[in-house]
Structure formats: C-alpha cells, structure tokens
Amino acid sequence: MNTKAIKTVSLILGALILSQVPAMALGSDAAVYSALKQRRFELVNKESDLLKSKDSIQKRIDDLKRRNDDSRYGSTLDRLTRDLDSTYQDLRKTQLDIQDIDRALI
C-alpha cells in the first residue's frame, strides 16, 4: 500500500472513531479539529477536480459517439468509458469521505 493510501485510510478510521465521540470531546482537541477541517478542504478540492474531469471525459465520449464511427474510435471510446467509470468511483469515494468527516465535525 502506498503512503497516500495509508494516510487516507488512517484519517478515515480516525474520522469514523471520532464520529462516535461526543462533539464536546472533539472540541477539546483543537489539533484534531484543525486536521479534520484541513482534510475536508483537501477532499472538497479533489471532489471539484474529479467533477471537472468527469464532465470532460463525458464530453469527449459524447463527441466520439456523435462521429458514429465505431470502427475508428471504438478502442478510444472503450478507454474513455473505463476512465469515466474509474473517475466516478473515485468521486463517490471522495464524497463518502467528506460525509464521514462532516459527521466527525458535528
């Protein structure tokens, strides 16, 4: 597992644990609160980038479909469709991570 994935998993686990702690306990630790707010900010930016990427990929797929030449653009269309699926999955995971942090911050 790479470092980024380990950090993300650790933060999510921390957020899930903190979501079980009363809000008053969270308020007593400003460092945790600050770290969660920073992570939320990063995730919101990532979500924005993924939404733009998803829209861009979808636009390219639609453009290729309008050309209606599957023999020429079939492999490109398949690749873009896989990219769109991957981007959507990453977007959904990011949105769930934001929800987890929001619950921890309540």
C-alpha atoms as a PDB file:
ATOM      1  CA  MET A   1       0.000   0.000   0.000  1.00  0.00           C
ATOM      2  CA  ASN A   2       1.407   3.393  -0.856  1.00  0.00           C
ATOM      3  CA  THR A   3       1.861   6.185   1.667  1.00  0.00           C
ATOM      4  CA  LYS A   4      -1.049   8.260   0.395  1.00  0.00           C
ATOM      5  CA  ALA A   5      -3.436   5.332   0.710  1.00  0.00           C
ATOM      6  CA  ILE A   6      -2.198   4.583   4.237  1.00  0.00           C
ATOM      7  CA  LYS A   7      -2.679   8.219   5.272  1.00  0.00           C
ATOM      8  CA  THR A   8      -6.159   8.288   3.760  1.00  0.00           C
ATOM      9  CA  VAL A   9      -7.193   5.054   5.458  1.00  0.00           C
ATOM     10  CA  SER A  10      -5.768   6.267   8.780  1.00  0.00           C
ATOM     11  CA  LEU A  11      -7.601   9.562   8.539  1.00  0.00           C
ATOM     12  CA  ILE A  12     -10.867   7.874   7.637  1.00  0.00           C
ATOM     13  CA  LEU A  13     -10.544   5.443  10.512  1.00  0.00           C
ATOM     14  CA  GLY A  14      -9.788   8.362  12.805  1.00  0.00           C
ATOM     15  CA  ALA A  15     -12.797  10.230  11.483  1.00  0.00           C
ATOM     16  CA  LEU A  16     -15.020   7.198  11.992  1.00  0.00           C
ATOM     17  CA  ILE A  17     -13.777   6.792  15.550  1.00  0.00           C
ATOM     18  CA  LEU A  18     -14.251  10.481  16.222  1.00  0.00           C
ATOM     19  CA  SER A  19     -17.761  10.336  14.816  1.00  0.00           C
ATOM     20  CA  GLN A  20     -18.614   8.098  17.763  1.00  0.00           C
ATOM     21  CA  VAL A  21     -17.208  10.613  20.280  1.00  0.00           C
ATOM     22  CA  PRO A  22     -19.477  13.377  21.565  1.00  0.00           C
ATOM     23  CA  ALA A  23     -18.929  16.771  19.947  1.00  0.00           C
ATOM     24  CA  MET A  24     -17.727  18.254  23.233  1.00  0.00           C
ATOM     25  CA  ALA A  25     -14.815  15.827  23.341  1.00  0.00           C
ATOM     26  CA  LEU A  26     -13.880  16.755  19.798  1.00  0.00           C
ATOM     27  CA  GLY A  27     -13.992  20.434  20.685  1.00  0.00           C
ATOM     28  CA  SER A  28     -11.427  19.899  23.421  1.00  0.00           C
ATOM     29  CA  ASP A  29      -8.783  18.855  20.920  1.00  0.00           C
ATOM     30  CA  ALA A  30      -8.192  21.763  18.570  1.00  0.00           C
ATOM     31  CA  ALA A  31      -5.429  19.935  16.696  1.00  0.00           C
ATOM     32  CA  VAL A  32      -7.749  17.087  15.702  1.00  0.00           C
ATOM     33  CA  TYR A  33     -10.453  19.538  14.699  1.00  0.00           C
ATOM     34  CA  SER A  34      -7.978  21.541  12.629  1.00  0.00           C
ATOM     35  CA  ALA A  35      -6.629  18.397  10.936  1.00  0.00           C
ATOM     36  CA  LEU A  36     -10.141  17.259  10.056  1.00  0.00           C
ATOM     37  CA  LYS A  37     -11.043  20.686   8.666  1.00  0.00           C
ATOM     38  CA  GLN A  38      -7.861  20.691   6.557  1.00  0.00           C
ATOM     39  CA  ARG A  39      -8.561  17.177   5.260  1.00  0.00           C
ATOM     40  CA  ARG A  40     -12.133  18.183   4.418  1.00  0.00           C
ATOM     41  CA  PHE A  41     -10.823  21.181   2.475  1.00  0.00           C
ATOM     42  CA  GLU A  42      -8.469  18.896   0.518  1.00  0.00           C
ATOM     43  CA  LEU A  43     -11.270  16.438  -0.217  1.00  0.00           C
ATOM     44  CA  VAL A  44     -13.616  19.189  -1.411  1.00  0.00           C
ATOM     45  CA  ASN A  45     -10.913  20.398  -3.803  1.00  0.00           C
ATOM     46  CA  LYS A  46     -10.377  16.830  -5.007  1.00  0.00           C
ATOM     47  CA  GLU A  47     -14.130  16.448  -5.490  1.00  0.00           C
ATOM     48  CA  SER A  48     -14.194  19.603  -7.604  1.00  0.00           C
ATOM     49  CA  ASP A  49     -11.311  18.359  -9.758  1.00  0.00           C
ATOM     50  CA  LEU A  50     -12.974  14.967 -10.201  1.00  0.00           C
ATOM     51  CA  LEU A  51     -16.265  16.574 -11.220  1.00  0.00           C
ATOM     52  CA  LYS A  52     -14.455  18.630 -13.863  1.00  0.00           C
ATOM     53  CA  SER A  53     -12.596  15.550 -15.067  1.00  0.00           C
ATOM     54  CA  LYS A  54     -15.821  13.529 -15.214  1.00  0.00           C
ATOM     55  CA  ASP A  55     -17.508  16.245 -17.257  1.00  0.00           C
ATOM     56  CA  SER A  56     -14.536  16.485 -19.612  1.00  0.00           C
ATOM     57  CA  ILE A  57     -14.406  12.727 -20.189  1.00  0.00           C
ATOM     58  CA  GLN A  58     -18.171  12.590 -20.721  1.00  0.00           C
ATOM     59  CA  LYS A  59     -17.926  15.398 -23.271  1.00  0.00           C
ATOM     60  CA  ARG A  60     -15.203  13.521 -25.185  1.00  0.00           C
ATOM     61  CA  ILE A  61     -17.298  10.344 -25.144  1.00  0.00           C
ATOM     62  CA  ASP A  62     -20.326  12.238 -26.450  1.00  0.00           C
ATOM     63  CA  ASP A  63     -18.215  13.845 -29.204  1.00  0.00           C
ATOM     64  CA  LEU A  64     -16.907  10.452 -30.333  1.00  0.00           C
ATOM     65  CA  LYS A  65     -20.395   8.947 -30.296  1.00  0.00           C
ATOM     66  CA  ARG A  66     -21.641  11.799 -32.486  1.00  0.00           C
ATOM     67  CA  ARG A  67     -18.997  10.928 -35.066  1.00  0.00           C
ATOM     68  CA  ASN A  68     -20.628   7.496 -35.157  1.00  0.00           C
ATOM     69  CA  ASP A  69     -17.580   5.624 -36.442  1.00  0.00           C
ATOM     70  CA  ASP A  70     -17.145   2.730 -34.005  1.00  0.00           C
ATOM     71  CA  SER A  71     -14.542   1.002 -36.136  1.00  0.00           C
ATOM     72  CA  ARG A  72     -12.255   4.015 -35.985  1.00  0.00           C
ATOM     73  CA  TYR A  73     -12.887   5.234 -32.435  1.00  0.00           C
ATOM     74  CA  GLY A  74     -14.009   2.040 -30.687  1.00  0.00           C
ATOM     75  CA  SER A  75     -10.859   1.479 -28.643  1.00  0.00           C
ATOM     76  CA  THR A  76     -10.680   5.157 -27.677  1.00  0.00           C
ATOM     77  CA  LEU A  77     -14.320   5.056 -26.645  1.00  0.00           C
ATOM     78  CA  ASP A  78     -13.693   1.948 -24.529  1.00  0.00           C
ATOM     79  CA  ARG A  79     -10.705   3.591 -22.820  1.00  0.00           C
ATOM     80  CA  LEU A  80     -12.664   6.766 -22.119  1.00  0.00           C
ATOM     81  CA  THR A  81     -15.558   4.737 -20.733  1.00  0.00           C
ATOM     82  CA  ARG A  82     -13.176   2.932 -18.358  1.00  0.00           C
ATOM     83  CA  ASP A  83     -11.658   6.289 -17.366  1.00  0.00           C
ATOM     84  CA  LEU A  84     -15.146   7.658 -16.698  1.00  0.00           C
ATOM     85  CA  ASP A  85     -16.041   4.652 -14.525  1.00  0.00           C
ATOM     86  CA  SER A  86     -12.807   4.986 -12.569  1.00  0.00           C
ATOM     87  CA  THR A  87     -13.310   8.727 -12.101  1.00  0.00           C
ATOM     88  CA  TYR A  88     -16.886   8.169 -10.952  1.00  0.00           C
ATOM     89  CA  GLN A  89     -15.775   5.563  -8.396  1.00  0.00           C
ATOM     90  CA  ASP A  90     -13.072   7.891  -7.077  1.00  0.00           C
ATOM     91  CA  LEU A  91     -15.596  10.743  -6.947  1.00  0.00           C
ATOM     92  CA  ARG A  92     -18.090   8.641  -4.991  1.00  0.00           C
ATOM     93  CA  LYS A  93     -15.399   7.529  -2.533  1.00  0.00           C
ATOM     94  CA  THR A  94     -14.320  11.144  -2.065  1.00  0.00           C
ATOM     95  CA  GLN A  95     -17.906  12.226  -1.420  1.00  0.00           C
ATOM     96  CA  LEU A  96     -18.312   9.483   1.189  1.00  0.00           C
ATOM     97  CA  ASP A  97     -15.042  10.557   2.835  1.00  0.00           C
ATOM     98  CA  ILE A  98     -16.352  14.129   3.028  1.00  0.00           C
ATOM     99  CA  GLN A  99     -19.557  12.863   4.643  1.00  0.00           C
ATOM    100  CA  ASP A 100     -17.541  10.893   7.210  1.00  0.00           C
ATOM    101  CA  ILE A 101     -15.519  13.960   8.131  1.00  0.00           C
ATOM    102  CA  ASP A 102     -18.667  16.092   8.290  1.00  0.00           C
ATOM    103  CA  ARG A 103     -20.160  13.617  10.765  1.00  0.00           C
ATOM    104  CA  ALA A 104     -16.978  13.770  12.846  1.00  0.00           C
ATOM    105  CA  LEU A 105     -17.094  17.563  12.891  1.00  0.00           C
ATOM    106  CA  ILE A 106     -20.686  17.767  14.150  1.00  0.00           C
END
